[in-house]
Amino acid sequence: MEEKTIYAPGELSGACTIHPGQMLLDELKSRNMSQRKFSDLIGCSYSVINEIINGKRQISTELSLKIEAALDTPAYIWCNLQSDYNMQMARNDKSLSAILSKIRSAAAVL
């Protein structure tokens, strides 16, 4: 019988990290809505939406509420997508990984 491996939270990550702006772009495309039209609809500058879609800016809580109002997708989904992206990026940061490893080693002897 094959032994099952049990993973701790955070030990598994996706093959690639996808910024929530890519999800927003997919949503806009599925609705045939341009970035400019969307930015006008939610009262946000085009450059902010474009930076989000290009992964250069985060989706804030306030913006997630505006997206919810415009696209009828719950704001918490956008917040969670951003939080998950941030967590994956932090886990992939080699310098942070080294620091976390030192912390775990020190905490193990306590």
PDB file of N, CA and C in Angstrom:
ATOM      1  N   MET A   1       0.847  -1.185   0.000  1.00  0.00           N
ATOM      2  CA  MET A   1       0.000   0.000   0.000  1.00  0.00           C
ATOM      3  C   MET A   1       0.890   1.245   0.000  1.00  0.00           C
ATOM      4  N   GLU A   2       0.529   2.191  -0.814  1.00  0.00           N
ATOM      5  CA  GLU A   2       1.304   3.420  -0.967  1.00  0.00           C
ATOM      6  C   GLU A   2       1.041   4.365   0.198  1.00  0.00           C
ATOM      7  N   GLU A   3       2.118   4.957   0.743  1.00  0.00           N
ATOM      8  CA  GLU A   3       1.987   5.884   1.862  1.00  0.00           C
ATOM      9  C   GLU A   3       1.607   7.267   1.345  1.00  0.00           C
ATOM     10  N   LYS A   4       0.629   7.894   1.987  1.00  0.00           N
ATOM     11  CA  LYS A   4       0.174   9.221   1.579  1.00  0.00           C
ATOM     12  C   LYS A   4       1.033  10.293   2.233  1.00  0.00           C
ATOM     13  N   THR A   5       1.350  11.318   1.475  1.00  0.00           N
ATOM     14  CA  THR A   5       2.088  12.460   1.996  1.00  0.00           C
ATOM     15  C   THR A   5       1.102  13.533   2.415  1.00  0.00           C
ATOM     16  N   ILE A   6       1.313  14.059   3.598  1.00  0.00           N
ATOM     17  CA  ILE A   6       0.466  15.137   4.095  1.00  0.00           C
ATOM     18  C   ILE A   6       1.309  16.409   4.117  1.00  0.00           C
ATOM     19  N   TYR A   7       0.809  17.423   3.467  1.00  0.00           N
ATOM     20  CA  TYR A   7       1.530  18.688   3.365  1.00  0.00           C
ATOM     21  C   TYR A   7       0.963  19.713   4.332  1.00  0.00           C
ATOM     22  N   ALA A   8       1.838  20.517   4.871  1.00  0.00           N
ATOM     23  CA  ALA A   8       1.431  21.608   5.758  1.00  0.00           C
ATOM     24  C   ALA A   8       0.980  22.798   4.910  1.00  0.00           C
ATOM     25  N   PRO A   9       0.162  23.669   5.489  1.00  0.00           N
ATOM     26  CA  PRO A   9      -0.231  24.874   4.736  1.00  0.00           C
ATOM     27  C   PRO A   9       1.003  25.647   4.282  1.00  0.00           C
ATOM     28  N   GLY A  10       1.002  26.079   3.053  1.00  0.00           N
ATOM     29  CA  GLY A  10       2.124  26.848   2.520  1.00  0.00           C
ATOM     30  C   GLY A  10       3.199  26.003   1.861  1.00  0.00           C
ATOM     31  N   GLU A  11       3.127  24.682   1.991  1.00  0.00           N
ATOM     32  CA  GLU A  11       4.146  23.838   1.365  1.00  0.00           C
ATOM     33  C   GLU A  11       3.887  23.637  -0.121  1.00  0.00           C
ATOM     34  N   LEU A  12       2.680  23.863  -0.534  1.00  0.00           N
ATOM     35  CA  LEU A  12       2.330  23.708  -1.942  1.00  0.00           C
ATOM     36  C   LEU A  12       2.043  25.072  -2.543  1.00  0.00           C
ATOM     37  N   SER A  13       2.468  25.255  -3.766  1.00  0.00           N
ATOM     38  CA  SER A  13       2.140  26.494  -4.459  1.00  0.00           C
ATOM     39  C   SER A  13       1.890  26.164  -5.924  1.00  0.00           C
ATOM     40  N   GLY A  14       1.199  27.071  -6.595  1.00  0.00           N
ATOM     41  CA  GLY A  14       0.882  26.854  -7.993  1.00  0.00           C
ATOM     42  C   GLY A  14       2.124  26.872  -8.872  1.00  0.00           C
ATOM     43  N   ALA A  15       1.991  26.355 -10.067  1.00  0.00           N
ATOM     44  CA  ALA A  15       3.116  26.303 -10.996  1.00  0.00           C
ATOM     45  C   ALA A  15       3.579  27.707 -11.378  1.00  0.00           C
ATOM     46  N   CYS A  16       2.645  28.627 -11.456  1.00  0.00           N
ATOM     47  CA  CYS A  16       3.021  30.007 -11.752  1.00  0.00           C
ATOM     48  C   CYS A  16       2.134  30.943 -10.933  1.00  0.00           C
ATOM     49  N   THR A  17       2.669  32.089 -10.650  1.00  0.00           N
ATOM     50  CA  THR A  17       1.946  33.077  -9.854  1.00  0.00           C
ATOM     51  C   THR A  17       1.200  34.015 -10.802  1.00  0.00           C
ATOM     52  N   ILE A  18      -0.100  34.126 -10.609  1.00  0.00           N
ATOM     53  CA  ILE A  18      -0.925  34.953 -11.489  1.00  0.00           C
ATOM     54  C   ILE A  18      -1.429  36.162 -10.718  1.00  0.00           C
ATOM     55  N   HIS A  19      -1.110  37.338 -11.224  1.00  0.00           N
ATOM     56  CA  HIS A  19      -1.565  38.582 -10.592  1.00  0.00           C
ATOM     57  C   HIS A  19      -3.077  38.716 -10.805  1.00  0.00           C
ATOM     58  N   PRO A  20      -3.803  39.223  -9.796  1.00  0.00           N
ATOM     59  CA  PRO A  20      -5.246  39.379  -9.953  1.00  0.00           C
ATOM     60  C   PRO A  20      -5.632  40.317 -11.093  1.00  0.00           C
ATOM     61  N   GLY A  21      -4.700  41.156 -11.529  1.00  0.00           N
ATOM     62  CA  GLY A  21      -4.976  42.011 -12.685  1.00  0.00           C
ATOM     63  C   GLY A  21      -5.244  41.192 -13.939  1.00  0.00           C
ATOM     64  N   GLN A  22      -4.598  40.028 -14.052  1.00  0.00           N
ATOM     65  CA  GLN A  22      -4.857  39.147 -15.194  1.00  0.00           C
ATOM     66  C   GLN A  22      -6.287  38.625 -15.144  1.00  0.00           C
ATOM     67  N   MET A  23      -6.755  38.337 -13.940  1.00  0.00           N
ATOM     68  CA  MET A  23      -8.145  37.880 -13.765  1.00  0.00           C
ATOM     69  C   MET A  23      -9.118  39.002 -14.129  1.00  0.00           C
ATOM     70  N   LEU A  24      -8.763  40.226 -13.742  1.00  0.00           N
ATOM     71  CA  LEU A  24      -9.603  41.370 -14.083  1.00  0.00           C
ATOM     72  C   LEU A  24      -9.652  41.555 -15.589  1.00  0.00           C
ATOM     73  N   LEU A  25      -8.511  41.432 -16.243  1.00  0.00           N
ATOM     74  CA  LEU A  25      -8.477  41.552 -17.704  1.00  0.00           C
ATOM     75  C   LEU A  25      -9.361  40.492 -18.346  1.00  0.00           C
ATOM     76  N   ASP A  26      -9.272  39.259 -17.871  1.00  0.00           N
ATOM     77  CA  ASP A  26     -10.110  38.174 -18.409  1.00  0.00           C
ATOM     78  C   ASP A  26     -11.590  38.491 -18.220  1.00  0.00           C
ATOM     79  N   GLU A  27     -11.927  39.034 -17.067  1.00  0.00           N
ATOM     80  CA  GLU A  27     -13.321  39.384 -16.781  1.00  0.00           C
ATOM     81  C   GLU A  27     -13.803  40.493 -17.716  1.00  0.00           C
ATOM     82  N   LEU A  28     -12.970  41.503 -17.928  1.00  0.00           N
ATOM     83  CA  LEU A  28     -13.349  42.595 -18.827  1.00  0.00           C
ATOM     84  C   LEU A  28     -13.502  42.099 -20.259  1.00  0.00           C
ATOM     85  N   LYS A  29     -12.580  41.242 -20.697  1.00  0.00           N
ATOM     86  CA  LYS A  29     -12.666  40.690 -22.054  1.00  0.00           C
ATOM     87  C   LYS A  29     -13.943  39.884 -22.244  1.00  0.00           C
ATOM     88  N   SER A  30     -14.296  39.094 -21.226  1.00  0.00           N
ATOM     89  CA  SER A  30     -15.507  38.269 -21.351  1.00  0.00           C
ATOM     90  C   SER A  30     -16.766  39.123 -21.450  1.00  0.00           C
ATOM     91  N   ARG A  31     -16.680  40.355 -20.991  1.00  0.00           N
ATOM     92  CA  ARG A  31     -17.817  41.281 -21.040  1.00  0.00           C
ATOM     93  C   ARG A  31     -17.683  42.294 -22.179  1.00  0.00           C
ATOM     94  N   ASN A  32     -16.654  42.102 -23.012  1.00  0.00           N
ATOM     95  CA  ASN A  32     -16.375  43.034 -24.115  1.00  0.00           C
ATOM     96  C   ASN A  32     -16.293  44.479 -23.624  1.00  0.00           C
ATOM     97  N   MET A  33     -15.590  44.663 -22.499  1.00  0.00           N
ATOM     98  CA  MET A  33     -15.462  45.996 -21.924  1.00  0.00           C
ATOM     99  C   MET A  33     -13.994  46.420 -21.968  1.00  0.00           C
ATOM    100  N   SER A  34     -13.763  47.607 -22.461  1.00  0.00           N
ATOM    101  CA  SER A  34     -12.390  48.113 -22.529  1.00  0.00           C
ATOM    102  C   SER A  34     -11.937  48.590 -21.148  1.00  0.00           C
ATOM    103  N   GLN A  35     -10.637  48.681 -20.981  1.00  0.00           N
ATOM    104  CA  GLN A  35     -10.081  49.211 -19.734  1.00  0.00           C
ATOM    105  C   GLN A  35     -10.553  50.646 -19.509  1.00  0.00           C
ATOM    106  N   ARG A  36     -10.590  51.404 -20.580  1.00  0.00           N
ATOM    107  CA  ARG A  36     -11.003  52.804 -20.472  1.00  0.00           C
ATOM    108  C   ARG A  36     -12.461  52.906 -20.026  1.00  0.00           C
ATOM    109  N   LYS A  37     -13.342  52.121 -20.646  1.00  0.00           N
ATOM    110  CA  LYS A  37     -14.758  52.151 -20.280  1.00  0.00           C
ATOM    111  C   LYS A  37     -14.936  51.718 -18.825  1.00  0.00           C
ATOM    112  N   PHE A  38     -14.191  50.688 -18.418  1.00  0.00           N
ATOM    113  CA  PHE A  38     -14.284  50.209 -17.043  1.00  0.00           C
ATOM    114  C   PHE A  38     -13.791  51.265 -16.057  1.00  0.00           C
ATOM    115  N   SER A  39     -12.672  51.896 -16.382  1.00  0.00           N
ATOM    116  CA  SER A  39     -12.133  52.917 -15.478  1.00  0.00           C
ATOM    117  C   SER A  39     -13.105  54.086 -15.332  1.00  0.00           C
ATOM    118  N   ASP A  40     -13.733  54.477 -16.439  1.00  0.00           N
ATOM    119  CA  ASP A  40     -14.744  55.541 -16.374  1.00  0.00           C
ATOM    120  C   ASP A  40     -15.934  55.107 -15.514  1.00  0.00           C
ATOM    121  N   LEU A  41     -16.357  53.853 -15.664  1.00  0.00           N
ATOM    122  CA  LEU A  41     -17.511  53.324 -14.942  1.00  0.00           C
ATOM    123  C   LEU A  41     -17.291  53.370 -13.436  1.00  0.00           C
ATOM    124  N   ILE A  42     -16.100  53.016 -12.991  1.00  0.00           N
ATOM    125  CA  ILE A  42     -15.857  52.944 -11.547  1.00  0.00           C
ATOM    126  C   ILE A  42     -15.218  54.215 -10.974  1.00  0.00           C
ATOM    127  N   GLY A  43     -14.993  55.216 -11.823  1.00  0.00           N
ATOM    128  CA  GLY A  43     -14.442  56.480 -11.358  1.00  0.00           C
ATOM    129  C   GLY A  43     -12.982  56.386 -10.954  1.00  0.00           C
ATOM    130  N   CYS A  44     -12.244  55.668 -11.753  1.00  0.00           N
ATOM    131  CA  CYS A  44     -10.828  55.439 -11.482  1.00  0.00           C
ATOM    132  C   CYS A  44     -10.050  55.814 -12.738  1.00  0.00           C
ATOM    133  N   SER A  45      -8.818  56.253 -12.580  1.00  0.00           N
ATOM    134  CA  SER A  45      -8.066  56.630 -13.771  1.00  0.00           C
ATOM    135  C   SER A  45      -7.688  55.393 -14.596  1.00  0.00           C
ATOM    136  N   TYR A  46      -7.604  55.606 -15.887  1.00  0.00           N
ATOM    137  CA  TYR A  46      -7.217  54.536 -16.802  1.00  0.00           C
ATOM    138  C   TYR A  46      -5.859  53.967 -16.423  1.00  0.00           C
ATOM    139  N   SER A  47      -4.933  54.834 -16.037  1.00  0.00           N
ATOM    140  CA  SER A  47      -3.574  54.373 -15.734  1.00  0.00           C
ATOM    141  C   SER A  47      -3.561  53.417 -14.542  1.00  0.00           C
ATOM    142  N   VAL A  48      -4.414  53.647 -13.557  1.00  0.00           N
ATOM    143  CA  VAL A  48      -4.489  52.739 -12.405  1.00  0.00           C
ATOM    144  C   VAL A  48      -4.961  51.364 -12.845  1.00  0.00           C
ATOM    145  N   ILE A  49      -6.024  51.316 -13.634  1.00  0.00           N
ATOM    146  CA  ILE A  49      -6.541  50.027 -14.118  1.00  0.00           C
ATOM    147  C   ILE A  49      -5.502  49.337 -14.992  1.00  0.00           C
ATOM    148  N   ASN A  50      -4.842  50.088 -15.854  1.00  0.00           N
ATOM    149  CA  ASN A  50      -3.824  49.514 -16.724  1.00  0.00           C
ATOM    150  C   ASN A  50      -2.652  48.956 -15.917  1.00  0.00           C
ATOM    151  N   GLU A  51      -2.228  49.662 -14.882  1.00  0.00           N
ATOM    152  CA  GLU A  51      -1.135  49.178 -14.032  1.00  0.00           C
ATOM    153  C   GLU A  51      -1.544  47.909 -13.285  1.00  0.00           C
ATOM    154  N   ILE A  52      -2.784  47.829 -12.849  1.00  0.00           N
ATOM    155  CA  ILE A  52      -3.275  46.616 -12.188  1.00  0.00           C
ATOM    156  C   ILE A  52      -3.267  45.455 -13.169  1.00  0.00           C
ATOM    157  N   ILE A  53      -3.796  45.683 -14.341  1.00  0.00           N
ATOM    158  CA  ILE A  53      -3.860  44.626 -15.352  1.00  0.00           C
ATOM    159  C   ILE A  53      -2.467  44.152 -15.763  1.00  0.00           C
ATOM    160  N   ASN A  54      -1.506  45.060 -15.743  1.00  0.00           N
ATOM    161  CA  ASN A  54      -0.130  44.696 -16.095  1.00  0.00           C
ATOM    162  C   ASN A  54       0.687  44.225 -14.895  1.00  0.00           C
ATOM    163  N   GLY A  55       0.032  44.031 -13.747  1.00  0.00           N
ATOM    164  CA  GLY A  55       0.693  43.488 -12.569  1.00  0.00           C
ATOM    165  C   GLY A  55       1.637  44.442 -11.871  1.00  0.00           C
ATOM    166  N   LYS A  56       1.467  45.735 -12.109  1.00  0.00           N
ATOM    167  CA  LYS A  56       2.362  46.731 -11.510  1.00  0.00           C
ATOM    168  C   LYS A  56       1.750  47.429 -10.306  1.00  0.00           C
ATOM    169  N   ARG A  57       0.494  47.142 -10.020  1.00  0.00           N
ATOM    170  CA  ARG A  57      -0.205  47.776  -8.900  1.00  0.00           C
ATOM    171  C   ARG A  57      -1.138  46.750  -8.270  1.00  0.00           C
ATOM    172  N   GLN A  58      -1.328  46.859  -6.974  1.00  0.00           N
ATOM    173  CA  GLN A  58      -2.214  45.942  -6.256  1.00  0.00           C
ATOM    174  C   GLN A  58      -3.660  46.406  -6.325  1.00  0.00           C
ATOM    175  N   ILE A  59      -4.557  45.459  -6.130  1.00  0.00           N
ATOM    176  CA  ILE A  59      -5.979  45.788  -6.018  1.00  0.00           C
ATOM    177  C   ILE A  59      -6.246  46.086  -4.548  1.00  0.00           C
ATOM    178  N   SER A  60      -6.618  47.317  -4.259  1.00  0.00           N
ATOM    179  CA  SER A  60      -6.893  47.733  -2.882  1.00  0.00           C
ATOM    180  C   SER A  60      -8.295  47.277  -2.472  1.00  0.00           C
ATOM    181  N   THR A  61      -8.557  47.370  -1.187  1.00  0.00           N
ATOM    182  CA  THR A  61      -9.886  47.024  -0.674  1.00  0.00           C
ATOM    183  C   THR A  61     -10.942  47.948  -1.278  1.00  0.00           C
ATOM    184  N   GLU A  62     -10.633  49.238  -1.349  1.00  0.00           N
ATOM    185  CA  GLU A  62     -11.579  50.201  -1.927  1.00  0.00           C
ATOM    186  C   GLU A  62     -11.865  49.858  -3.393  1.00  0.00           C
ATOM    187  N   LEU A  63     -10.818  49.546  -4.135  1.00  0.00           N
ATOM    188  CA  LEU A  63     -11.013  49.209  -5.541  1.00  0.00           C
ATOM    189  C   LEU A  63     -11.795  47.904  -5.688  1.00  0.00           C
ATOM    190  N   SER A  64     -11.550  46.944  -4.803  1.00  0.00           N
ATOM    191  CA  SER A  64     -12.292  45.685  -4.887  1.00  0.00           C
ATOM    192  C   SER A  64     -13.790  45.921  -4.688  1.00  0.00           C
ATOM    193  N   LEU A  65     -14.142  46.897  -3.846  1.00  0.00           N
ATOM    194  CA  LEU A  65     -15.562  47.237  -3.665  1.00  0.00           C
ATOM    195  C   LEU A  65     -16.143  47.878  -4.923  1.00  0.00           C
ATOM    196  N   LYS A  66     -15.341  48.683  -5.606  1.00  0.00           N
ATOM    197  CA  LYS A  66     -15.792  49.291  -6.865  1.00  0.00           C
ATOM    198  C   LYS A  66     -15.955  48.225  -7.943  1.00  0.00           C
ATOM    199  N   ILE A  67     -15.034  47.278  -7.983  1.00  0.00           N
ATOM    200  CA  ILE A  67     -15.133  46.171  -8.951  1.00  0.00           C
ATOM    201  C   ILE A  67     -16.393  45.366  -8.669  1.00  0.00           C
ATOM    202  N   GLU A  68     -16.661  45.122  -7.391  1.00  0.00           N
ATOM    203  CA  GLU A  68     -17.874  44.395  -6.999  1.00  0.00           C
ATOM    204  C   GLU A  68     -19.122  45.107  -7.519  1.00  0.00           C
ATOM    205  N   ALA A  69     -19.179  46.421  -7.332  1.00  0.00           N
ATOM    206  CA  ALA A  69     -20.339  47.191  -7.755  1.00  0.00           C
ATOM    207  C   ALA A  69     -20.516  47.156  -9.272  1.00  0.00           C
ATOM    208  N   ALA A  70     -19.395  47.172  -9.991  1.00  0.00           N
ATOM    209  CA  ALA A  70     -19.472  47.221 -11.450  1.00  0.00           C
ATOM    210  C   ALA A  70     -19.682  45.859 -12.094  1.00  0.00           C
ATOM    211  N   LEU A  71     -19.034  44.823 -11.547  1.00  0.00           N
ATOM    212  CA  LEU A  71     -19.056  43.513 -12.210  1.00  0.00           C
ATOM    213  C   LEU A  71     -19.878  42.468 -11.473  1.00  0.00           C
ATOM    214  N   ASP A  72     -20.401  42.840 -10.304  1.00  0.00           N
ATOM    215  CA  ASP A  72     -21.198  41.922  -9.490  1.00  0.00           C
ATOM    216  C   ASP A  72     -20.413  40.662  -9.110  1.00  0.00           C
ATOM    217  N   THR A  73     -19.119  40.855  -8.838  1.00  0.00           N
ATOM    218  CA  THR A  73     -18.300  39.778  -8.273  1.00  0.00           C
ATOM    219  C   THR A  73     -17.922  40.233  -6.869  1.00  0.00           C
ATOM    220  N   PRO A  74     -18.084  39.381  -5.874  1.00  0.00           N
ATOM    221  CA  PRO A  74     -17.856  39.804  -4.487  1.00  0.00           C
ATOM    222  C   PRO A  74     -16.468  40.408  -4.270  1.00  0.00           C
ATOM    223  N   ALA A  75     -16.435  41.499  -3.513  1.00  0.00           N
ATOM    224  CA  ALA A  75     -15.182  42.204  -3.248  1.00  0.00           C
ATOM    225  C   ALA A  75     -14.164  41.304  -2.563  1.00  0.00           C
ATOM    226  N   TYR A  76     -14.652  40.403  -1.694  1.00  0.00           N
ATOM    227  CA  TYR A  76     -13.707  39.547  -0.974  1.00  0.00           C
ATOM    228  C   TYR A  76     -12.910  38.657  -1.924  1.00  0.00           C
ATOM    229  N   ILE A  77     -13.484  38.318  -3.070  1.00  0.00           N
ATOM    230  CA  ILE A  77     -12.749  37.495  -4.044  1.00  0.00           C
ATOM    231  C   ILE A  77     -11.529  38.254  -4.545  1.00  0.00           C
ATOM    232  N   TRP A  78     -11.712  39.525  -4.876  1.00  0.00           N
ATOM    233  CA  TRP A  78     -10.587  40.334  -5.371  1.00  0.00           C
ATOM    234  C   TRP A  78      -9.546  40.543  -4.284  1.00  0.00           C
ATOM    235  N   CYS A  79     -10.015  40.756  -3.053  1.00  0.00           N
ATOM    236  CA  CYS A  79      -9.076  40.910  -1.924  1.00  0.00           C
ATOM    237  C   CYS A  79      -8.294  39.611  -1.705  1.00  0.00           C
ATOM    238  N   ASN A  80      -8.998  38.477  -1.762  1.00  0.00           N
ATOM    239  CA  ASN A  80      -8.339  37.186  -1.562  1.00  0.00           C
ATOM    240  C   ASN A  80      -7.355  36.881  -2.687  1.00  0.00           C
ATOM    241  N   LEU A  81      -7.719  37.202  -3.918  1.00  0.00           N
ATOM    242  CA  LEU A  81      -6.792  36.993  -5.033  1.00  0.00           C
ATOM    243  C   LEU A  81      -5.511  37.789  -4.828  1.00  0.00           C
ATOM    244  N   GLN A  82      -5.664  39.044  -4.377  1.00  0.00           N
ATOM    245  CA  GLN A  82      -4.489  39.885  -4.141  1.00  0.00           C
ATOM    246  C   GLN A  82      -3.664  39.340  -2.982  1.00  0.00           C
ATOM    247  N   SER A  83      -4.329  38.937  -1.927  1.00  0.00           N
ATOM    248  CA  SER A  83      -3.628  38.386  -0.767  1.00  0.00           C
ATOM    249  C   SER A  83      -2.886  37.099  -1.124  1.00  0.00           C
ATOM    250  N   ASP A  84      -3.526  36.222  -1.883  1.00  0.00           N
ATOM    251  CA  ASP A  84      -2.881  34.975  -2.318  1.00  0.00           C
ATOM    252  C   ASP A  84      -1.668  35.262  -3.196  1.00  0.00           C
ATOM    253  N   TYR A  85      -1.806  36.226  -4.082  1.00  0.00           N
ATOM    254  CA  TYR A  85      -0.686  36.613  -4.943  1.00  0.00           C
ATOM    255  C   TYR A  85       0.476  37.135  -4.105  1.00  0.00           C
ATOM    256  N   ASN A  86       0.174  38.001  -3.150  1.00  0.00           N
ATOM    257  CA  ASN A  86       1.212  38.558  -2.282  1.00  0.00           C
ATOM    258  C   ASN A  86       1.925  37.450  -1.507  1.00  0.00           C
ATOM    259  N   MET A  87       1.151  36.482  -1.002  1.00  0.00           N
ATOM    260  CA  MET A  87       1.727  35.375  -0.238  1.00  0.00           C
ATOM    261  C   MET A  87       2.641  34.524  -1.123  1.00  0.00           C
ATOM    262  N   GLN A  88       2.210  34.227  -2.343  1.00  0.00           N
ATOM    263  CA  GLN A  88       3.045  33.438  -3.259  1.00  0.00           C
ATOM    264  C   GLN A  88       4.328  34.179  -3.598  1.00  0.00           C
ATOM    265  N   MET A  89       4.225  35.462  -3.827  1.00  0.00           N
ATOM    266  CA  MET A  89       5.420  36.249  -4.139  1.00  0.00           C
ATOM    267  C   MET A  89       6.387  36.253  -2.956  1.00  0.00           C
ATOM    268  N   ALA A  90       5.863  36.380  -1.741  1.00  0.00           N
ATOM    269  CA  ALA A  90       6.715  36.367  -0.549  1.00  0.00           C
ATOM    270  C   ALA A  90       7.366  35.004  -0.360  1.00  0.00           C
ATOM    271  N   ARG A  91       6.609  33.941  -0.597  1.00  0.00           N
ATOM    272  CA  ARG A  91       7.175  32.587  -0.466  1.00  0.00           C
ATOM    273  C   ARG A  91       8.264  32.315  -1.498  1.00  0.00           C
ATOM    274  N   ASN A  92       8.190  32.976  -2.637  1.00  0.00           N
ATOM    275  CA  ASN A  92       9.197  32.786  -3.690  1.00  0.00           C
ATOM    276  C   ASN A  92      10.405  33.700  -3.523  1.00  0.00           C
ATOM    277  N   ASP A  93      10.369  34.591  -2.542  1.00  0.00           N
ATOM    278  CA  ASP A  93      11.463  35.525  -2.293  1.00  0.00           C
ATOM    279  C   ASP A  93      12.592  34.793  -1.566  1.00  0.00           C
ATOM    280  N   LYS A  94      13.730  34.628  -2.239  1.00  0.00           N
ATOM    281  CA  LYS A  94      14.842  33.859  -1.674  1.00  0.00           C
ATOM    282  C   LYS A  94      15.418  34.479  -0.414  1.00  0.00           C
ATOM    283  N   SER A  95      15.534  35.793  -0.361  1.00  0.00           N
ATOM    284  CA  SER A  95      16.091  36.425   0.837  1.00  0.00           C
ATOM    285  C   SER A  95      15.144  36.258   2.030  1.00  0.00           C
ATOM    286  N   LEU A  96      13.850  36.368   1.789  1.00  0.00           N
ATOM    287  CA  LEU A  96      12.886  36.150   2.862  1.00  0.00           C
ATOM    288  C   LEU A  96      12.903  34.688   3.297  1.00  0.00           C
ATOM    289  N   SER A  97      13.043  33.773   2.351  1.00  0.00           N
ATOM    290  CA  SER A  97      13.102  32.345   2.683  1.00  0.00           C
ATOM    291  C   SER A  97      14.275  32.041   3.601  1.00  0.00           C
ATOM    292  N   ALA A  98      15.410  32.684   3.348  1.00  0.00           N
ATOM    293  CA  ALA A  98      16.587  32.486   4.201  1.00  0.00           C
ATOM    294  C   ALA A  98      16.316  32.988   5.614  1.00  0.00           C
ATOM    295  N   ILE A  99      15.669  34.135   5.728  1.00  0.00           N
ATOM    296  CA  ILE A  99      15.326  34.696   7.042  1.00  0.00           C
ATOM    297  C   ILE A  99      14.355  33.776   7.775  1.00  0.00           C
ATOM    298  N   LEU A 100      13.339  33.297   7.059  1.00  0.00           N
ATOM    299  CA  LEU A 100      12.353  32.406   7.675  1.00  0.00           C
ATOM    300  C   LEU A 100      12.994  31.105   8.132  1.00  0.00           C
ATOM    301  N   SER A 101      13.941  30.605   7.361  1.00  0.00           N
ATOM    302  CA  SER A 101      14.649  29.384   7.737  1.00  0.00           C
ATOM    303  C   SER A 101      15.425  29.584   9.041  1.00  0.00           C
ATOM    304  N   LYS A 102      16.077  30.723   9.180  1.00  0.00           N
ATOM    305  CA  LYS A 102      16.810  31.036  10.417  1.00  0.00           C
ATOM    306  C   LYS A 102      15.852  31.141  11.597  1.00  0.00           C
ATOM    307  N   ILE A 103      14.713  31.760  11.380  1.00  0.00           N
ATOM    308  CA  ILE A 103      13.716  31.892  12.448  1.00  0.00           C
ATOM    309  C   ILE A 103      13.225  30.519  12.878  1.00  0.00           C
ATOM    310  N   ARG A 104      12.927  29.650  11.911  1.00  0.00           N
ATOM    311  CA  ARG A 104      12.442  28.299  12.235  1.00  0.00           C
ATOM    312  C   ARG A 104      13.488  27.516  13.008  1.00  0.00           C
ATOM    313  N   SER A 105      14.747  27.653  12.602  1.00  0.00           N
ATOM    314  CA  SER A 105      15.831  26.948  13.302  1.00  0.00           C
ATOM    315  C   SER A 105      15.953  27.438  14.740  1.00  0.00           C
ATOM    316  N   ALA A 106      15.884  28.748  14.930  1.00  0.00           N
ATOM    317  CA  ALA A 106      15.984  29.306  16.265  1.00  0.00           C
ATOM    318  C   ALA A 106      14.780  28.921  17.115  1.00  0.00           C
ATOM    319  N   ALA A 107      13.600  28.924  16.521  1.00  0.00           N
ATOM    320  CA  ALA A 107      12.382  28.590  17.259  1.00  0.00           C
ATOM    321  C   ALA A 107      12.332  27.108  17.629  1.00  0.00           C
ATOM    322  N   ALA A 108      12.983  26.256  16.856  1.00  0.00           N
ATOM    323  CA  ALA A 108      12.961  24.821  17.101  1.00  0.00           C
ATOM    324  C   ALA A 108      13.693  24.442  18.391  1.00  0.00           C
ATOM    325  N   VAL A 109      14.639  25.270  18.805  1.00  0.00           N
ATOM    326  CA  VAL A 109      15.402  24.960  20.018  1.00  0.00           C
ATOM    327  C   VAL A 109      14.781  25.568  21.271  1.00  0.00           C
ATOM    328  N   LEU A 110      13.719  26.327  21.115  1.00  0.00           N
ATOM    329  CA  LEU A 110      13.059  26.936  22.280  1.00  0.00           C
ATOM    330  C   LEU A 110      12.251  25.943  23.049  1.00  0.00           C
TER     331      LEU A 110
END
